C-alpha atoms as a PDB file:
ATOM      1  CA  MET A   1       0.337  -0.171  -0.377  1.00  0.00           C
ATOM      2  CA  ALA A   2       2.409   2.560   0.726  1.00  0.00           C
ATOM      3  CA  HIS A   3       4.756   1.554  -2.238  1.00  0.00           C
ATOM      4  CA  ASP A   4       1.657   2.231  -4.178  1.00  0.00           C
ATOM      5  CA  LEU A   5       1.105   5.183  -2.760  1.00  0.00           C
ATOM      6  CA  TYR A   6       5.071   6.215  -2.990  1.00  0.00           C
ATOM      7  CA  SER A   7       5.366   5.465  -6.230  1.00  0.00           C
ATOM      8  CA  SER A   8       2.275   6.982  -8.282  1.00  0.00           C
ATOM      9  CA  TYR A   9       4.004  10.496  -6.365  1.00  0.00           C
ATOM     10  CA  MET A  10       7.294   9.204  -8.333  1.00  0.00           C
ATOM     11  CA  TYR A  11       5.888   8.577 -11.399  1.00  0.00           C
ATOM     12  CA  GLU A  12       3.564  11.645 -11.456  1.00  0.00           C
ATOM     13  CA  GLY A  13       4.251  12.973 -15.276  1.00  0.00           C
ATOM     14  CA  VAL A  14       7.351  11.180 -16.070  1.00  0.00           C
ATOM     15  CA  ILE A  15       7.871  10.932 -19.671  1.00  0.00           C
ATOM     16  CA  ILE A  16      11.376   8.711 -21.078  1.00  0.00           C
ATOM     17  CA  SER A  17      13.013   7.411 -23.866  1.00  0.00           C
ATOM     18  CA  VAL A  18      15.678   4.283 -24.578  1.00  0.00           C
ATOM     19  CA  ARG A  19      18.604   4.987 -26.534  1.00  0.00           C
ATOM     20  CA  SER A  20      20.467   1.503 -27.788  1.00  0.00           C
ATOM     21  CA  LEU A  21      23.024   1.100 -30.298  1.00  0.00           C
ATOM     22  CA  ARG A  22      19.608   0.990 -32.871  1.00  0.00           C
ATOM     23  CA  GLY A  23      18.378   4.633 -31.658  1.00  0.00           C
ATOM     24  CA  GLU A  24      16.438   6.307 -29.467  1.00  0.00           C
ATOM     25  CA  THR A  25      12.967   5.641 -28.735  1.00  0.00           C
ATOM     26  CA  LYS A  26       9.922   7.697 -29.400  1.00  0.00           C
ATOM     27  CA  ASP A  27       9.115   9.454 -25.862  1.00  0.00           C
ATOM     28  CA  PHE A  28       6.581   7.139 -23.551  1.00  0.00           C
ATOM     29  CA  SER A  29       5.215   7.841 -20.246  1.00  0.00           C
ATOM     30  CA  ILE A  30       5.725   4.908 -17.185  1.00  0.00           C
ATOM     31  CA  GLY A  31       3.251   4.884 -14.114  1.00  0.00           C
ATOM     32  CA  ILE A  32       4.934   1.474 -12.192  1.00  0.00           C
ATOM     33  CA  GLY A  33       8.452  -0.349 -11.155  1.00  0.00           C
ATOM     34  CA  LEU A  34      10.954   1.608  -9.627  1.00  0.00           C
ATOM     35  CA  TYR A  35      13.997   3.667 -11.274  1.00  0.00           C
ATOM     36  CA  GLN A  36      17.369   2.296 -11.140  1.00  0.00           C
ATOM     37  CA  GLY A  37      19.014   3.058  -8.081  1.00  0.00           C
ATOM     38  CA  SER A  38      15.913   4.077  -6.251  1.00  0.00           C
ATOM     39  CA  SER A  39      16.450   3.515  -2.132  1.00  0.00           C
ATOM     40  CA  LEU A  40      13.564   1.296  -2.171  1.00  0.00           C
ATOM     41  CA  SER A  41      14.989  -1.280  -4.610  1.00  0.00           C
ATOM     42  CA  PRO A  42      16.841  -3.276  -2.229  1.00  0.00           C
ATOM     43  CA  TYR A  43      14.105  -2.906   0.307  1.00  0.00           C
ATOM     44  CA  LEU A  44      11.088  -4.070  -2.029  1.00  0.00           C
ATOM     45  CA  PHE A  45      13.517  -6.988  -3.276  1.00  0.00           C
ATOM     46  CA  ASN A  46      14.295  -8.279   0.243  1.00  0.00           C
ATOM     47  CA  LEU A  47      10.320  -8.286   0.682  1.00  0.00           C
ATOM     48  CA  VAL A  48       9.441 -10.019  -2.211  1.00  0.00           C
ATOM     49  CA  LEU A  49      12.481 -12.295  -2.013  1.00  0.00           C
ATOM     50  CA  ASN A  50      11.705 -13.350   1.849  1.00  0.00           C
ATOM     51  CA  ALA A  51       8.083 -13.732   0.946  1.00  0.00           C
ATOM     52  CA  LEU A  52       9.126 -16.336  -2.174  1.00  0.00           C
ATOM     53  CA  ILE A  53      11.636 -18.046  -0.134  1.00  0.00           C
ATOM     54  CA  ASN A  54       9.093 -18.886   2.797  1.00  0.00           C
ATOM     55  CA  ASP A  55       6.665 -20.235   0.401  1.00  0.00           C
ATOM     56  CA  ILE A  56       8.995 -22.352  -1.360  1.00  0.00           C
ATOM     57  CA  GLN A  57      10.662 -23.934   1.800  1.00  0.00           C
ATOM     58  CA  ARG A  58       7.045 -25.095   3.006  1.00  0.00           C
ATOM     59  CA  ILE A  59       6.789 -26.858  -0.240  1.00  0.00           C
ATOM     60  CA  ILE A  60      10.277 -28.084  -1.048  1.00  0.00           C
ATOM     61  CA  PRO A  61      12.555 -27.708   2.732  1.00  0.00           C
ATOM     62  CA  ASN A  62      15.623 -28.944   1.257  1.00  0.00           C
ATOM     63  CA  CYS A  63      16.610 -25.562  -0.948  1.00  0.00           C
ATOM     64  CA  MET A  64      19.568 -23.691  -0.634  1.00  0.00           C
ATOM     65  CA  LEU A  65      19.904 -19.890  -1.333  1.00  0.00           C
ATOM     66  CA  PHE A  66      22.991 -17.325  -2.643  1.00  0.00           C
ATOM     67  CA  VAL A  67      21.869 -14.275  -2.976  1.00  0.00           C
ATOM     68  CA  ASP A  68      19.242 -14.015  -5.458  1.00  0.00           C
ATOM     69  CA  ASP A  69      19.395 -17.522  -6.938  1.00  0.00           C
ATOM     70  CA  ILE A  70      16.965 -20.439  -5.181  1.00  0.00           C
ATOM     71  CA  ILE A  71      18.320 -24.109  -5.753  1.00  0.00           C
ATOM     72  CA  LEU A  72      15.618 -26.568  -5.421  1.00  0.00           C
ATOM     73  CA  ILE A  73      16.665 -29.941  -3.985  1.00  0.00           C
ATOM     74  CA  GLU A  74      14.081 -33.430  -4.604  1.00  0.00           C
ATOM     75  CA  GLU A  75      14.544 -36.793  -6.285  1.00  0.00           C
ATOM     76  CA  SER A  76      13.839 -35.220  -9.639  1.00  0.00           C
ATOM     77  CA  ARG A  77      12.606 -31.844 -11.772  1.00  0.00           C
ATOM     78  CA  LYS A  78       9.364 -34.051 -12.206  1.00  0.00           C
ATOM     79  CA  VAL A  79       8.535 -34.237  -8.648  1.00  0.00           C
ATOM     80  CA  ILE A  80       9.632 -30.456  -8.640  1.00  0.00           C
ATOM     81  CA  ASN A  81       8.046 -29.403 -11.065  1.00  0.00           C
ATOM     82  CA  HIS A  82       4.363 -30.919  -9.593  1.00  0.00           C
ATOM     83  CA  LYS A  83       5.073 -29.613  -6.395  1.00  0.00           C
ATOM     84  CA  LEU A  84       5.648 -26.393  -7.465  1.00  0.00           C
ATOM     85  CA  GLU A  85       2.210 -26.483  -9.391  1.00  0.00           C
ATOM     86  CA  LEU A  86       0.038 -27.561  -6.456  1.00  0.00           C
END
């Protein structure tokens, strides 16, 4: 809820374009997401990753975590897929 309020003010009236080797895009407006380098980015990353990890560990308790990688350990890929689809 607080994120929605913050980002709605953050993106009010913002127009951007993207520059690449092929040139620059036409201007377009944005209304969601976070600016690169936003002080909220690490907090929101941790918040979402912690919720995701808690859910996954309930389903597949054998997992290893490395920064933003999650390794799921089970008898086979088929078993992991079946558990995650439930």
